[in-house]
């Protein structure tokens, strides 16, 4: 018996786009390949897209409906299910749980959060900052426990610490940038 896997961030991107309006796979592919904001994070090929759509439909997150089309007699249009909407909303509002996920998953969340009001945007960022600060403290403690002869582990933890400090600074700037754009 196969178990249902939780969606990956790439699947959540599709859920977020489909949430805006029901869409045909070809039109979805056009959005993914032409919208610069998405292309700087993710790269899709059409065969990958169809496989992911099949997967998330089997998992009950989207549903398809065959409708008559202009160019073709019939086309399959995807829409979000209530379950898919609930999962997307929950995913969008939760911070990521690993530092490396800030570079991909969190940026995907931020793509959808940018359109939300400041009252929804800022708490998500603040939660992420709090988690990053916990990671930072953990890395600092672990670095302190390394013997003075262990050069490489010190270098690695120094890299992780400086990366997290930069990420925290960037997250704080995200709140400021969103606030400034709201005030315009």
N, C-alpha and C. Protein backbone atom coordinates (compact mmCIF):
# COMPACT_ATOMS: atom_id res chain seq x y z
N UNK A 1 0.84 -1.17 0.00
CA UNK A 1 0.00 0.00 0.00
C UNK A 1 0.89 1.24 0.00
N UNK A 2 0.66 2.13 -0.93
CA UNK A 2 1.48 3.34 -0.97
C UNK A 2 0.84 4.41 -0.09
N UNK A 3 1.70 5.17 0.58
CA UNK A 3 1.17 6.23 1.44
C UNK A 3 1.23 7.56 0.68
N UNK A 4 0.32 8.43 1.02
CA UNK A 4 0.31 9.75 0.40
C UNK A 4 1.43 10.58 1.01
N UNK A 5 2.23 11.18 0.16
CA UNK A 5 3.31 12.05 0.62
C UNK A 5 2.79 13.48 0.75
N UNK A 6 3.38 14.21 1.69
CA UNK A 6 3.07 15.63 1.77
C UNK A 6 3.61 16.30 0.51
N UNK A 7 2.92 17.30 0.02
CA UNK A 7 3.40 17.98 -1.19
C UNK A 7 4.75 18.66 -0.96
N UNK A 8 5.51 18.78 -2.03
CA UNK A 8 6.76 19.52 -2.01
C UNK A 8 6.46 20.97 -2.33
N UNK A 9 7.41 21.86 -2.11
CA UNK A 9 7.15 23.28 -2.35
C UNK A 9 6.76 23.54 -3.80
N UNK A 10 7.31 22.78 -4.72
CA UNK A 10 6.96 22.97 -6.14
C UNK A 10 5.47 22.66 -6.34
N UNK A 11 4.97 21.71 -5.60
CA UNK A 11 3.54 21.39 -5.70
C UNK A 11 2.70 22.50 -5.08
N UNK A 12 3.19 23.09 -4.02
CA UNK A 12 2.47 24.20 -3.41
C UNK A 12 2.44 25.41 -4.34
N UNK A 13 3.50 25.61 -5.10
CA UNK A 13 3.49 26.70 -6.09
C UNK A 13 2.35 26.48 -7.07
N UNK A 14 2.19 25.26 -7.53
CA UNK A 14 1.09 24.96 -8.46
C UNK A 14 -0.26 25.19 -7.77
N UNK A 15 -0.39 24.74 -6.52
CA UNK A 15 -1.65 24.96 -5.80
C UNK A 15 -1.95 26.45 -5.70
N UNK A 16 -0.93 27.25 -5.41
CA UNK A 16 -1.14 28.69 -5.28
C UNK A 16 -1.57 29.35 -6.58
N UNK A 17 -1.03 28.89 -7.69
CA UNK A 17 -1.43 29.45 -8.99
C UNK A 17 -2.84 29.00 -9.34
N UNK A 18 -3.11 27.72 -9.13
CA UNK A 18 -4.44 27.18 -9.43
C UNK A 18 -5.50 27.82 -8.53
N UNK A 19 -5.12 28.19 -7.32
CA UNK A 19 -6.04 28.83 -6.37
C UNK A 19 -6.61 30.12 -6.96
N UNK A 20 -5.80 30.84 -7.70
CA UNK A 20 -6.23 32.12 -8.25
C UNK A 20 -7.41 31.96 -9.22
N UNK A 21 -7.34 30.90 -10.05
CA UNK A 21 -8.46 30.60 -10.96
C UNK A 21 -8.23 29.22 -11.57
N UNK A 22 -9.31 28.52 -11.90
CA UNK A 22 -9.14 27.24 -12.59
C UNK A 22 -8.33 27.45 -13.88
N UNK A 23 -7.50 26.46 -14.19
CA UNK A 23 -6.56 26.68 -15.29
C UNK A 23 -6.24 25.37 -16.02
N UNK A 24 -6.00 25.50 -17.30
CA UNK A 24 -5.57 24.38 -18.14
C UNK A 24 -4.06 24.19 -17.97
N UNK A 25 -3.58 22.98 -18.09
CA UNK A 25 -2.16 22.69 -17.88
C UNK A 25 -1.26 23.50 -18.82
N UNK A 26 -1.70 23.70 -20.06
CA UNK A 26 -0.89 24.47 -21.00
C UNK A 26 -0.74 25.92 -20.52
N UNK A 27 -1.84 26.51 -20.04
CA UNK A 27 -1.78 27.89 -19.54
C UNK A 27 -0.93 27.97 -18.27
N UNK A 28 -1.02 26.95 -17.46
CA UNK A 28 -0.18 26.88 -16.26
C UNK A 28 1.30 26.82 -16.65
N UNK A 29 1.60 26.03 -17.66
CA UNK A 29 2.97 25.93 -18.16
C UNK A 29 3.47 27.27 -18.69
N UNK A 30 2.60 28.00 -19.38
CA UNK A 30 2.98 29.32 -19.90
C UNK A 30 3.29 30.29 -18.76
N UNK A 31 2.49 30.26 -17.71
CA UNK A 31 2.74 31.13 -16.55
C UNK A 31 4.09 30.79 -15.94
N UNK A 32 4.35 29.52 -15.75
CA UNK A 32 5.60 29.08 -15.12
C UNK A 32 6.83 29.41 -15.96
N UNK A 33 6.67 29.41 -17.27
CA UNK A 33 7.83 29.65 -18.12
C UNK A 33 8.03 31.12 -18.47
N UNK A 34 6.99 31.94 -18.30
CA UNK A 34 7.12 33.34 -18.69
C UNK A 34 7.13 34.31 -17.53
N UNK A 35 6.60 33.93 -16.39
CA UNK A 35 6.54 34.86 -15.26
C UNK A 35 7.89 34.87 -14.55
N UNK A 36 8.60 35.97 -14.69
CA UNK A 36 9.97 36.10 -14.18
C UNK A 36 10.05 35.85 -12.68
N UNK A 37 9.06 36.33 -11.92
CA UNK A 37 9.09 36.14 -10.47
C UNK A 37 9.16 34.67 -10.09
N UNK A 38 8.51 33.81 -10.85
CA UNK A 38 8.56 32.37 -10.57
C UNK A 38 9.82 31.72 -11.15
N UNK A 39 10.23 32.18 -12.31
CA UNK A 39 11.38 31.58 -12.98
C UNK A 39 12.68 31.77 -12.20
N UNK A 40 12.78 32.82 -11.38
CA UNK A 40 14.01 33.00 -10.62
C UNK A 40 14.11 32.04 -9.45
N UNK A 41 13.02 31.34 -9.15
CA UNK A 41 13.03 30.35 -8.06
C UNK A 41 12.98 28.92 -8.61
N UNK A 42 12.07 28.66 -9.53
CA UNK A 42 11.81 27.29 -10.01
C UNK A 42 11.88 27.22 -11.52
N UNK A 43 12.32 26.06 -11.99
CA UNK A 43 12.32 25.77 -13.42
C UNK A 43 11.53 24.50 -13.64
N UNK A 44 10.53 24.57 -14.50
CA UNK A 44 9.68 23.42 -14.79
C UNK A 44 9.85 23.03 -16.24
N UNK A 45 9.75 21.75 -16.51
CA UNK A 45 9.57 21.34 -17.90
C UNK A 45 8.15 20.76 -17.98
N UNK A 46 7.61 20.72 -19.17
CA UNK A 46 6.21 20.36 -19.33
C UNK A 46 5.90 18.94 -18.86
N UNK A 47 6.78 17.99 -19.12
CA UNK A 47 6.51 16.61 -18.69
C UNK A 47 6.50 16.53 -17.16
N UNK A 48 7.38 17.27 -16.51
CA UNK A 48 7.41 17.32 -15.05
C UNK A 48 6.09 17.91 -14.53
N UNK A 49 5.61 18.94 -15.17
CA UNK A 49 4.38 19.59 -14.76
C UNK A 49 3.20 18.62 -14.79
N UNK A 50 3.05 17.88 -15.88
CA UNK A 50 1.93 16.94 -15.99
C UNK A 50 2.02 15.84 -14.93
N UNK A 51 3.22 15.38 -14.64
CA UNK A 51 3.38 14.35 -13.61
C UNK A 51 3.00 14.89 -12.23
N UNK A 52 3.39 16.12 -11.94
CA UNK A 52 3.05 16.73 -10.64
C UNK A 52 1.54 16.97 -10.55
N UNK A 53 0.94 17.45 -11.62
CA UNK A 53 -0.51 17.66 -11.62
C UNK A 53 -1.24 16.35 -11.35
N UNK A 54 -0.80 15.26 -12.01
CA UNK A 54 -1.42 13.95 -11.77
C UNK A 54 -1.28 13.55 -10.30
N UNK A 55 -0.11 13.76 -9.75
CA UNK A 55 0.15 13.38 -8.36
C UNK A 55 -0.74 14.15 -7.40
N UNK A 56 -0.80 15.47 -7.55
CA UNK A 56 -1.59 16.25 -6.59
C UNK A 56 -3.10 16.05 -6.81
N UNK A 57 -3.47 15.66 -8.02
CA UNK A 57 -4.89 15.32 -8.22
C UNK A 57 -5.21 13.99 -7.53
N UNK A 58 -4.33 13.01 -7.65
CA UNK A 58 -4.54 11.73 -6.97
C UNK A 58 -4.58 11.90 -5.45
N UNK A 59 -3.85 12.89 -4.94
CA UNK A 59 -3.84 13.16 -3.50
C UNK A 59 -5.02 14.02 -3.05
N UNK A 60 -5.89 14.36 -3.99
CA UNK A 60 -7.11 15.08 -3.64
C UNK A 60 -6.93 16.56 -3.38
N UNK A 61 -5.84 17.16 -3.87
CA UNK A 61 -5.59 18.58 -3.63
C UNK A 61 -6.14 19.46 -4.76
N UNK A 62 -6.26 18.87 -5.94
CA UNK A 62 -6.89 19.54 -7.08
C UNK A 62 -7.86 18.56 -7.71
N UNK A 63 -8.74 19.10 -8.53
CA UNK A 63 -9.64 18.24 -9.30
C UNK A 63 -9.65 18.77 -10.73
N UNK A 64 -9.93 17.88 -11.65
CA UNK A 64 -9.97 18.31 -13.04
C UNK A 64 -11.37 18.11 -13.59
N UNK A 65 -11.63 18.91 -14.60
CA UNK A 65 -12.92 18.86 -15.25
C UNK A 65 -12.66 19.02 -16.75
N UNK A 66 -13.28 18.18 -17.53
CA UNK A 66 -13.13 18.28 -18.98
C UNK A 66 -14.17 19.27 -19.50
N UNK A 67 -13.68 20.29 -20.22
CA UNK A 67 -14.59 21.27 -20.80
C UNK A 67 -14.31 21.39 -22.30
N UNK A 68 -15.27 21.91 -23.01
CA UNK A 68 -15.04 22.10 -24.45
C UNK A 68 -14.18 23.34 -24.63
N UNK A 69 -13.28 23.24 -25.59
CA UNK A 69 -12.33 24.33 -25.83
C UNK A 69 -12.51 24.93 -27.20
N UNK A 70 -11.75 25.98 -27.47
CA UNK A 70 -11.80 26.66 -28.77
C UNK A 70 -10.95 25.92 -29.79
N UNK A 71 -9.67 25.76 -29.46
CA UNK A 71 -8.73 25.14 -30.40
C UNK A 71 -8.89 23.62 -30.44
N UNK A 72 -9.21 23.02 -29.29
CA UNK A 72 -9.37 21.57 -29.20
C UNK A 72 -10.79 21.28 -28.73
N UNK A 73 -11.33 20.15 -29.12
CA UNK A 73 -12.71 19.86 -28.73
C UNK A 73 -12.89 19.79 -27.20
N UNK A 74 -11.89 19.27 -26.51
CA UNK A 74 -12.00 19.15 -25.06
C UNK A 74 -10.66 19.49 -24.41
N UNK A 75 -10.72 20.08 -23.23
CA UNK A 75 -9.49 20.30 -22.48
C UNK A 75 -9.77 20.11 -20.99
N UNK A 76 -8.71 19.73 -20.30
CA UNK A 76 -8.80 19.44 -18.87
C UNK A 76 -8.42 20.71 -18.10
N UNK A 77 -9.31 21.16 -17.24
CA UNK A 77 -9.08 22.35 -16.43
C UNK A 77 -9.01 21.94 -14.97
N UNK A 78 -7.98 22.44 -14.29
CA UNK A 78 -7.73 22.09 -12.89
C UNK A 78 -8.23 23.19 -11.98
N UNK A 79 -8.81 22.77 -10.85
CA UNK A 79 -9.21 23.71 -9.81
C UNK A 79 -8.82 23.12 -8.46
N UNK A 80 -8.74 23.97 -7.48
CA UNK A 80 -8.33 23.56 -6.14
C UNK A 80 -9.51 22.93 -5.40
N UNK A 81 -9.26 21.88 -4.66
CA UNK A 81 -10.28 21.32 -3.78
C UNK A 81 -10.21 22.07 -2.44
N UNK A 82 -11.19 21.87 -1.60
CA UNK A 82 -11.16 22.48 -0.27
C UNK A 82 -9.93 22.01 0.49
N UNK A 83 -9.63 20.73 0.37
CA UNK A 83 -8.45 20.17 1.04
C UNK A 83 -7.16 20.82 0.50
N UNK A 84 -7.09 20.99 -0.80
CA UNK A 84 -5.93 21.64 -1.41
C UNK A 84 -5.79 23.08 -0.95
N UNK A 85 -6.91 23.79 -0.85
CA UNK A 85 -6.89 25.17 -0.38
C UNK A 85 -6.41 25.24 1.07
N UNK A 86 -6.95 24.35 1.90
CA UNK A 86 -6.55 24.34 3.32
C UNK A 86 -5.06 24.04 3.47
N UNK A 87 -4.56 23.07 2.72
CA UNK A 87 -3.13 22.72 2.80
C UNK A 87 -2.26 23.86 2.30
N UNK A 88 -2.69 24.51 1.23
CA UNK A 88 -1.92 25.63 0.70
C UNK A 88 -1.86 26.77 1.72
N UNK A 89 -3.00 27.12 2.30
CA UNK A 89 -3.04 28.20 3.28
C UNK A 89 -2.16 27.88 4.48
N UNK A 90 -2.24 26.66 4.96
CA UNK A 90 -1.42 26.25 6.11
C UNK A 90 0.07 26.32 5.76
N UNK A 91 0.44 25.81 4.60
CA UNK A 91 1.84 25.84 4.16
C UNK A 91 2.35 27.27 4.06
N UNK A 92 1.54 28.13 3.47
CA UNK A 92 1.95 29.52 3.22
C UNK A 92 2.23 30.25 4.52
N UNK A 93 1.54 29.90 5.59
CA UNK A 93 1.64 30.64 6.84
C UNK A 93 2.62 30.04 7.84
N UNK A 94 3.19 28.89 7.51
CA UNK A 94 4.13 28.24 8.43
C UNK A 94 5.57 28.54 8.04
N UNK A 95 6.42 28.78 9.05
CA UNK A 95 7.84 28.99 8.74
C UNK A 95 8.49 27.66 8.32
N UNK A 96 9.60 27.76 7.64
CA UNK A 96 10.33 26.54 7.26
C UNK A 96 11.11 26.05 8.47
N UNK A 97 11.46 24.77 8.46
CA UNK A 97 12.05 24.15 9.63
C UNK A 97 13.53 23.79 9.49
N UNK A 98 14.13 24.20 8.38
CA UNK A 98 15.56 23.95 8.17
C UNK A 98 16.17 25.15 7.45
N UNK A 99 17.38 25.56 7.84
CA UNK A 99 17.98 26.74 7.20
C UNK A 99 18.06 26.64 5.68
N UNK A 100 18.39 25.48 5.16
CA UNK A 100 18.54 25.36 3.70
C UNK A 100 17.22 25.59 2.96
N UNK A 101 16.10 25.42 3.67
CA UNK A 101 14.78 25.61 3.05
C UNK A 101 14.44 27.09 2.85
N UNK A 102 15.21 27.98 3.45
CA UNK A 102 14.97 29.41 3.24
C UNK A 102 15.24 29.79 1.79
N UNK A 103 16.18 29.11 1.15
CA UNK A 103 16.56 29.45 -0.23
C UNK A 103 15.54 28.99 -1.25
N UNK A 104 14.70 28.05 -0.92
CA UNK A 104 13.74 27.56 -1.90
C UNK A 104 12.31 27.66 -1.38
N UNK A 105 11.99 26.86 -0.38
CA UNK A 105 10.63 26.80 0.12
C UNK A 105 10.14 28.15 0.65
N UNK A 106 10.97 28.82 1.44
CA UNK A 106 10.52 30.08 2.00
C UNK A 106 10.35 31.14 0.91
N UNK A 107 11.22 31.14 -0.08
CA UNK A 107 11.07 32.09 -1.18
C UNK A 107 9.77 31.83 -1.94
N UNK A 108 9.40 30.56 -2.07
CA UNK A 108 8.13 30.22 -2.72
C UNK A 108 6.96 30.75 -1.89
N UNK A 109 7.02 30.58 -0.57
CA UNK A 109 5.97 31.10 0.30
C UNK A 109 5.89 32.63 0.17
N UNK A 110 7.05 33.26 0.15
CA UNK A 110 7.11 34.71 0.07
C UNK A 110 6.47 35.22 -1.22
N UNK A 111 6.56 34.45 -2.29
CA UNK A 111 5.92 34.83 -3.56
C UNK A 111 4.42 35.03 -3.36
N UNK A 112 3.81 34.14 -2.59
CA UNK A 112 2.37 34.24 -2.35
C UNK A 112 2.05 35.20 -1.20
N UNK A 113 2.91 35.28 -0.22
CA UNK A 113 2.68 36.18 0.92
C UNK A 113 2.77 37.65 0.53
N UNK A 114 3.54 37.95 -0.49
CA UNK A 114 3.74 39.35 -0.88
C UNK A 114 2.42 40.06 -1.20
N UNK A 115 1.42 39.30 -1.60
CA UNK A 115 0.13 39.89 -1.97
C UNK A 115 -0.83 39.98 -0.77
N UNK A 116 -0.41 39.47 0.36
CA UNK A 116 -1.25 39.49 1.56
C UNK A 116 -1.09 40.82 2.29
N UNK A 117 -2.07 41.18 3.11
CA UNK A 117 -1.92 42.41 3.90
C UNK A 117 -0.78 42.28 4.92
N UNK A 118 -0.26 43.41 5.35
CA UNK A 118 0.85 43.44 6.31
C UNK A 118 0.50 42.63 7.56
N UNK A 119 -0.75 42.66 7.97
CA UNK A 119 -1.18 41.98 9.20
C UNK A 119 -1.04 40.45 9.09
N UNK A 120 -1.01 39.93 7.89
CA UNK A 120 -0.78 38.49 7.68
C UNK A 120 0.68 38.22 7.32
N UNK A 121 1.26 39.12 6.56
CA UNK A 121 2.64 38.98 6.10
C UNK A 121 3.64 39.00 7.25
N UNK A 122 3.60 40.04 8.06
CA UNK A 122 4.60 40.23 9.12
C UNK A 122 4.67 39.09 10.13
N UNK A 123 3.54 38.56 10.63
CA UNK A 123 3.64 37.46 11.60
C UNK A 123 4.37 36.23 11.06
N UNK A 124 4.19 35.93 9.79
CA UNK A 124 4.90 34.79 9.20
C UNK A 124 6.40 35.05 9.21
N UNK A 125 6.79 36.24 8.81
CA UNK A 125 8.21 36.60 8.79
C UNK A 125 8.77 36.61 10.22
N UNK A 126 8.01 37.15 11.15
CA UNK A 126 8.47 37.20 12.55
C UNK A 126 8.65 35.80 13.13
N UNK A 127 7.74 34.88 12.80
CA UNK A 127 7.90 33.48 13.23
C UNK A 127 9.18 32.88 12.65
N UNK A 128 9.43 33.19 11.38
CA UNK A 128 10.63 32.66 10.74
C UNK A 128 11.89 33.24 11.39
N UNK A 129 11.86 34.51 11.73
CA UNK A 129 13.00 35.13 12.42
C UNK A 129 13.25 34.43 13.75
N UNK A 130 12.19 34.17 14.49
CA UNK A 130 12.33 33.50 15.81
C UNK A 130 12.97 32.12 15.65
N UNK A 131 12.56 31.39 14.62
CA UNK A 131 13.15 30.07 14.38
C UNK A 131 14.62 30.21 13.98
N UNK A 132 14.92 31.18 13.13
CA UNK A 132 16.31 31.42 12.73
C UNK A 132 17.18 31.78 13.93
N UNK A 133 16.64 32.57 14.83
CA UNK A 133 17.40 32.95 16.03
C UNK A 133 17.69 31.72 16.91
N UNK A 134 16.77 30.77 16.96
CA UNK A 134 17.02 29.51 17.70
C UNK A 134 18.14 28.71 17.03
N UNK A 135 18.10 28.64 15.71
CA UNK A 135 19.16 27.93 14.97
C UNK A 135 20.50 28.61 15.25
N UNK A 136 20.49 29.94 15.23
CA UNK A 136 21.72 30.70 15.44
C UNK A 136 22.31 30.41 16.82
N UNK A 137 21.49 30.42 17.85
CA UNK A 137 21.96 30.11 19.20
C UNK A 137 22.53 28.70 19.27
N UNK A 138 21.85 27.77 18.62
CA UNK A 138 22.32 26.37 18.61
C UNK A 138 23.69 26.27 17.95
N UNK A 139 23.85 26.92 16.80
CA UNK A 139 25.13 26.89 16.10
C UNK A 139 26.23 27.55 16.92
N UNK A 140 25.91 28.65 17.58
CA UNK A 140 26.91 29.34 18.41
C UNK A 140 27.36 28.45 19.56
N UNK A 141 26.41 27.78 20.21
CA UNK A 141 26.76 26.86 21.31
C UNK A 141 27.60 25.70 20.81
N UNK A 142 27.23 25.16 19.66
CA UNK A 142 27.98 24.03 19.11
C UNK A 142 29.39 24.45 18.71
N UNK A 143 29.53 25.66 18.21
CA UNK A 143 30.86 26.16 17.84
C UNK A 143 31.74 26.32 19.08
N UNK A 144 31.16 26.79 20.16
CA UNK A 144 31.91 26.97 21.41
C UNK A 144 32.42 25.64 21.97
N UNK A 145 31.73 24.55 21.67
CA UNK A 145 32.11 23.24 22.21
C UNK A 145 33.22 22.56 21.39
N UNK A 146 33.57 23.13 20.26
CA UNK A 146 34.59 22.54 19.40
C UNK A 146 35.97 22.85 19.97
N UNK A 147 36.81 21.86 19.97
CA UNK A 147 38.17 22.08 20.50
C UNK A 147 38.94 23.06 19.61
N UNK A 148 39.90 23.72 20.20
CA UNK A 148 40.66 24.74 19.48
C UNK A 148 41.49 24.15 18.33
N UNK A 149 41.78 22.85 18.36
CA UNK A 149 42.56 22.21 17.29
C UNK A 149 41.70 21.83 16.08
N UNK A 150 40.41 21.88 16.23
CA UNK A 150 39.50 21.45 15.16
C UNK A 150 39.16 22.63 14.26
N UNK A 151 40.00 22.88 13.31
CA UNK A 151 39.86 24.04 12.42
C UNK A 151 38.62 23.93 11.52
N UNK A 152 38.46 22.81 10.83
CA UNK A 152 37.38 22.70 9.85
C UNK A 152 35.99 22.85 10.48
N UNK A 153 35.68 22.15 11.58
CA UNK A 153 34.35 22.35 12.18
C UNK A 153 34.10 23.81 12.59
N UNK A 154 35.12 24.48 13.06
CA UNK A 154 34.97 25.90 13.41
C UNK A 154 34.62 26.73 12.17
N UNK A 155 35.30 26.44 11.07
CA UNK A 155 35.03 27.16 9.82
C UNK A 155 33.59 26.90 9.36
N UNK A 156 33.16 25.65 9.44
CA UNK A 156 31.80 25.29 9.01
C UNK A 156 30.77 26.02 9.87
N UNK A 157 30.93 25.97 11.18
CA UNK A 157 29.95 26.64 12.04
C UNK A 157 30.01 28.15 11.90
N UNK A 158 31.17 28.70 11.65
CA UNK A 158 31.28 30.13 11.40
C UNK A 158 30.49 30.50 10.14
N UNK A 159 30.60 29.68 9.11
CA UNK A 159 29.82 29.90 7.88
C UNK A 159 28.32 29.85 8.18
N UNK A 160 27.89 28.84 8.91
CA UNK A 160 26.47 28.70 9.24
C UNK A 160 25.98 29.88 10.07
N UNK A 161 26.77 30.31 11.02
CA UNK A 161 26.40 31.43 11.88
C UNK A 161 26.27 32.71 11.06
N UNK A 162 27.26 32.98 10.24
CA UNK A 162 27.22 34.21 9.43
C UNK A 162 26.07 34.16 8.41
N UNK A 163 25.80 32.98 7.87
CA UNK A 163 24.66 32.83 6.93
C UNK A 163 23.34 33.13 7.64
N UNK A 164 23.18 32.59 8.83
CA UNK A 164 21.94 32.83 9.58
C UNK A 164 21.81 34.29 9.99
N UNK A 165 22.89 34.92 10.37
CA UNK A 165 22.84 36.34 10.71
C UNK A 165 22.38 37.15 9.49
N UNK A 166 22.88 36.79 8.33
CA UNK A 166 22.47 37.48 7.09
C UNK A 166 21.00 37.20 6.78
N UNK A 167 20.57 35.96 6.99
CA UNK A 167 19.17 35.61 6.73
C UNK A 167 18.23 36.37 7.66
N UNK A 168 18.59 36.47 8.93
CA UNK A 168 17.77 37.21 9.89
C UNK A 168 17.67 38.68 9.49
N UNK A 169 18.78 39.25 9.10
CA UNK A 169 18.79 40.63 8.64
C UNK A 169 17.90 40.80 7.41
N UNK A 170 18.01 39.88 6.48
CA UNK A 170 17.18 39.92 5.27
C UNK A 170 15.70 39.79 5.60
N UNK A 171 15.35 38.88 6.51
CA UNK A 171 13.95 38.71 6.90
C UNK A 171 13.40 39.99 7.52
N UNK A 172 14.19 40.65 8.34
CA UNK A 172 13.75 41.92 8.93
C UNK A 172 13.54 42.97 7.85
N UNK A 173 14.42 42.97 6.85
CA UNK A 173 14.26 43.90 5.72
C UNK A 173 12.99 43.60 4.93
N UNK A 174 12.62 42.33 4.83
CA UNK A 174 11.38 41.96 4.12
C UNK A 174 10.18 42.65 4.76
N UNK A 175 10.13 42.67 6.08
CA UNK A 175 9.02 43.34 6.78
C UNK A 175 9.04 44.83 6.44
N UNK A 176 10.22 45.44 6.47
CA UNK A 176 10.33 46.88 6.16
C UNK A 176 9.92 47.18 4.72
N UNK A 177 10.36 46.35 3.80
CA UNK A 177 10.04 46.57 2.38
C UNK A 177 8.54 46.45 2.15
N UNK A 178 7.93 45.43 2.76
CA UNK A 178 6.48 45.26 2.63
C UNK A 178 5.75 46.45 3.23
N UNK A 179 6.21 46.93 4.40
CA UNK A 179 5.59 48.08 5.04
C UNK A 179 5.69 49.31 4.16
N UNK A 180 6.85 49.53 3.56
CA UNK A 180 7.04 50.68 2.68
C UNK A 180 6.14 50.60 1.46
N UNK A 181 5.99 49.40 0.90
CA UNK A 181 5.13 49.26 -0.29
C UNK A 181 3.67 49.44 0.07
N UNK A 182 3.29 49.12 1.29
CA UNK A 182 1.92 49.30 1.76
C UNK A 182 1.62 50.78 1.96
N UNK A 183 2.63 51.52 2.37
CA UNK A 183 2.44 52.96 2.64
C UNK A 183 2.42 53.81 1.38
N UNK A 184 2.77 53.24 0.22
CA UNK A 184 2.80 54.03 -1.01
C UNK A 184 1.42 54.35 -1.52
